Amino acid sequence: MVIFKRFTEFLRGYRIIAISVAFIVGMVALNFVQSIVNDIILPIIRAIFFSESLMWEDTILSIGSANIRIGSFLSAFLSLLLIVLFMYIFIDRLLHWKPKK
């Protein structure tokens, strides 16, 4: 029973549960942003700049004998930008939030 008591004190002291919830919410947000990028934004970019027969992720830039998968890189880069933007907006709102009186 002493181990259980010390374990619960550890969880409260280091706010492990709050960190775990934040991690899970972050993973869900990551899936959401990746879906927005891969299913909405990139198809729009593909329709504007590329032919319909070309898949975005298959876009390759050939330099000599090297093949650079530019589509895959741009997909990951846009995901990163959107995640950073989402986190900035969320944290900015959270830090400036004041409860109503």
C-alpha atoms as a PDB file:
ATOM      1  CA  MET A   1       0.000   0.000   0.000  1.00  0.00           C
ATOM      2  CA  VAL A   2       2.953   2.320   0.619  1.00  0.00           C
ATOM      3  CA  ILE A   3       4.057   1.930  -2.988  1.00  0.00           C
ATOM      4  CA  PHE A   4       0.598   2.911  -4.254  1.00  0.00           C
ATOM      5  CA  LYS A   5       0.572   6.004  -2.020  1.00  0.00           C
ATOM      6  CA  ARG A   6       4.049   7.058  -3.186  1.00  0.00           C
ATOM      7  CA  PHE A   7       3.064   6.431  -6.798  1.00  0.00           C
ATOM      8  CA  THR A   8      -0.030   8.652  -6.528  1.00  0.00           C
ATOM      9  CA  GLU A   9       2.082  11.363  -4.867  1.00  0.00           C
ATOM     10  CA  PHE A  10       4.522  11.077  -7.756  1.00  0.00           C
ATOM     11  CA  LEU A  11       1.708  11.442 -10.295  1.00  0.00           C
ATOM     12  CA  ARG A  12       0.354  14.525  -8.544  1.00  0.00           C
ATOM     13  CA  GLY A  13       3.738  16.087  -7.858  1.00  0.00           C
ATOM     14  CA  TYR A  14       5.046  15.905 -11.383  1.00  0.00           C
ATOM     15  CA  ARG A  15       1.654  16.395 -13.055  1.00  0.00           C
ATOM     16  CA  ILE A  16       2.142  13.254 -15.097  1.00  0.00           C
ATOM     17  CA  ILE A  17      -1.574  12.926 -15.814  1.00  0.00           C
ATOM     18  CA  ALA A  18      -1.767  16.452 -17.251  1.00  0.00           C
ATOM     19  CA  ILE A  19       1.294  15.790 -19.387  1.00  0.00           C
ATOM     20  CA  SER A  20      -0.227  12.509 -20.598  1.00  0.00           C
ATOM     21  CA  VAL A  21      -3.490  14.221 -21.542  1.00  0.00           C
ATOM     22  CA  ALA A  22      -1.562  16.963 -23.360  1.00  0.00           C
ATOM     23  CA  PHE A  23       0.408  14.323 -25.248  1.00  0.00           C
ATOM     24  CA  ILE A  24      -2.752  12.500 -26.338  1.00  0.00           C
ATOM     25  CA  VAL A  25      -4.416  15.746 -27.425  1.00  0.00           C
ATOM     26  CA  GLY A  26      -1.259  16.621 -29.352  1.00  0.00           C
ATOM     27  CA  MET A  27      -1.321  13.280 -31.175  1.00  0.00           C
ATOM     28  CA  VAL A  28      -4.970  13.779 -32.118  1.00  0.00           C
ATOM     29  CA  ALA A  29      -4.207  17.315 -33.312  1.00  0.00           C
ATOM     30  CA  LEU A  30      -1.332  15.937 -35.383  1.00  0.00           C
ATOM     31  CA  ASN A  31      -3.656  13.473 -37.119  1.00  0.00           C
ATOM     32  CA  PHE A  32      -6.173  16.256 -37.731  1.00  0.00           C
ATOM     33  CA  VAL A  33      -3.605  18.618 -39.232  1.00  0.00           C
ATOM     34  CA  GLN A  34      -2.089  15.869 -41.385  1.00  0.00           C
ATOM     35  CA  SER A  35      -5.546  15.058 -42.708  1.00  0.00           C
ATOM     36  CA  ILE A  36      -6.161  18.722 -43.553  1.00  0.00           C
ATOM     37  CA  VAL A  37      -2.827  18.965 -45.351  1.00  0.00           C
ATOM     38  CA  ASN A  38      -3.022  15.636 -47.217  1.00  0.00           C
ATOM     39  CA  ASP A  39      -6.745  15.592 -48.005  1.00  0.00           C
ATOM     40  CA  ILE A  40      -7.599  19.270 -48.559  1.00  0.00           C
ATOM     41  CA  ILE A  41      -4.625  21.591 -49.070  1.00  0.00           C
ATOM     42  CA  LEU A  42      -2.321  19.418 -51.163  1.00  0.00           C
ATOM     43  CA  PRO A  43      -5.035  18.303 -53.618  1.00  0.00           C
ATOM     44  CA  ILE A  44      -5.897  21.968 -54.190  1.00  0.00           C
ATOM     45  CA  ILE A  45      -2.230  22.762 -54.831  1.00  0.00           C
ATOM     46  CA  ARG A  46      -1.988  19.724 -57.118  1.00  0.00           C
ATOM     47  CA  ALA A  47      -5.045  20.861 -59.086  1.00  0.00           C
ATOM     48  CA  ILE A  48      -3.635  24.365 -59.511  1.00  0.00           C
ATOM     49  CA  PHE A  49      -0.005  23.568 -60.335  1.00  0.00           C
ATOM     50  CA  PHE A  50       0.075  19.971 -61.639  1.00  0.00           C
ATOM     51  CA  SER A  51      -1.865  17.738 -63.992  1.00  0.00           C
ATOM     52  CA  GLU A  52      -4.525  15.476 -62.520  1.00  0.00           C
ATOM     53  CA  SER A  53      -2.662  12.299 -63.423  1.00  0.00           C
ATOM     54  CA  LEU A  54       0.274  13.277 -61.210  1.00  0.00           C
ATOM     55  CA  MET A  55       0.041  12.433 -57.513  1.00  0.00           C
ATOM     56  CA  TRP A  56       1.463  15.046 -55.167  1.00  0.00           C
ATOM     57  CA  GLU A  57       3.709  12.678 -53.249  1.00  0.00           C
ATOM     58  CA  ASP A  58       5.130  11.298 -56.504  1.00  0.00           C
ATOM     59  CA  THR A  59       6.479  14.664 -57.629  1.00  0.00           C
ATOM     60  CA  ILE A  60      10.209  14.167 -58.148  1.00  0.00           C
ATOM     61  CA  LEU A  61      12.906  16.705 -58.964  1.00  0.00           C
ATOM     62  CA  SER A  62      15.720  15.022 -60.865  1.00  0.00           C
ATOM     63  CA  ILE A  63      19.176  16.533 -60.595  1.00  0.00           C
ATOM     64  CA  GLY A  64      21.692  14.404 -62.425  1.00  0.00           C
ATOM     65  CA  SER A  65      21.372  10.896 -61.063  1.00  0.00           C
ATOM     66  CA  ALA A  66      19.704  12.075 -57.837  1.00  0.00           C
ATOM     67  CA  ASN A  67      15.925  12.000 -57.478  1.00  0.00           C
ATOM     68  CA  ILE A  68      14.561  14.396 -54.874  1.00  0.00           C
ATOM     69  CA  ARG A  69      11.042  13.596 -53.689  1.00  0.00           C
ATOM     70  CA  ILE A  70       9.904  17.194 -53.488  1.00  0.00           C
ATOM     71  CA  GLY A  71       6.197  16.352 -53.085  1.00  0.00           C
ATOM     72  CA  SER A  72       6.767  14.258 -49.989  1.00  0.00           C
ATOM     73  CA  PHE A  73       9.026  16.942 -48.536  1.00  0.00           C
ATOM     74  CA  LEU A  74       6.513  19.731 -49.193  1.00  0.00           C
ATOM     75  CA  SER A  75       3.750  17.649 -47.615  1.00  0.00           C
ATOM     76  CA  ALA A  76       5.793  17.198 -44.433  1.00  0.00           C
ATOM     77  CA  PHE A  77       6.819  20.869 -44.472  1.00  0.00           C
ATOM     78  CA  LEU A  78       3.226  22.095 -44.779  1.00  0.00           C
ATOM     79  CA  SER A  79       2.221  19.759 -41.960  1.00  0.00           C
ATOM     80  CA  LEU A  80       4.961  21.228 -39.798  1.00  0.00           C
ATOM     81  CA  LEU A  81       3.895  24.798 -40.587  1.00  0.00           C
ATOM     82  CA  LEU A  82       0.264  24.101 -39.796  1.00  0.00           C
ATOM     83  CA  ILE A  83       1.106  22.317 -36.540  1.00  0.00           C
ATOM     84  CA  VAL A  84       3.345  25.186 -35.438  1.00  0.00           C
ATOM     85  CA  LEU A  85       0.635  27.704 -36.375  1.00  0.00           C
ATOM     86  CA  PHE A  86      -2.011  25.714 -34.501  1.00  0.00           C
ATOM     87  CA  MET A  87       0.183  25.427 -31.409  1.00  0.00           C
ATOM     88  CA  TYR A  88       1.050  29.150 -31.516  1.00  0.00           C
ATOM     89  CA  ILE A  89      -2.615  30.170 -31.724  1.00  0.00           C
ATOM     90  CA  PHE A  90      -3.614  27.723 -28.989  1.00  0.00           C
ATOM     91  CA  ILE A  91      -0.824  28.720 -26.599  1.00  0.00           C
ATOM     92  CA  ASP A  92      -1.286  32.435 -27.323  1.00  0.00           C
ATOM     93  CA  ARG A  93      -5.005  32.192 -26.506  1.00  0.00           C
ATOM     94  CA  LEU A  94      -4.288  30.096 -23.432  1.00  0.00           C
ATOM     95  CA  LEU A  95      -1.721  32.557 -22.061  1.00  0.00           C
ATOM     96  CA  HIS A  96      -3.988  35.552 -22.639  1.00  0.00           C
ATOM     97  CA  TRP A  97      -7.134  33.863 -21.365  1.00  0.00           C
ATOM     98  CA  LYS A  98      -8.809  35.517 -18.394  1.00  0.00           C
ATOM     99  CA  PRO A  99     -11.803  34.026 -16.615  1.00  0.00           C
ATOM    100  CA  LYS A 100     -15.056  35.973 -16.767  1.00  0.00           C
ATOM    101  CA  LYS A 101     -15.991  37.681 -13.536  1.00  0.00           C
END
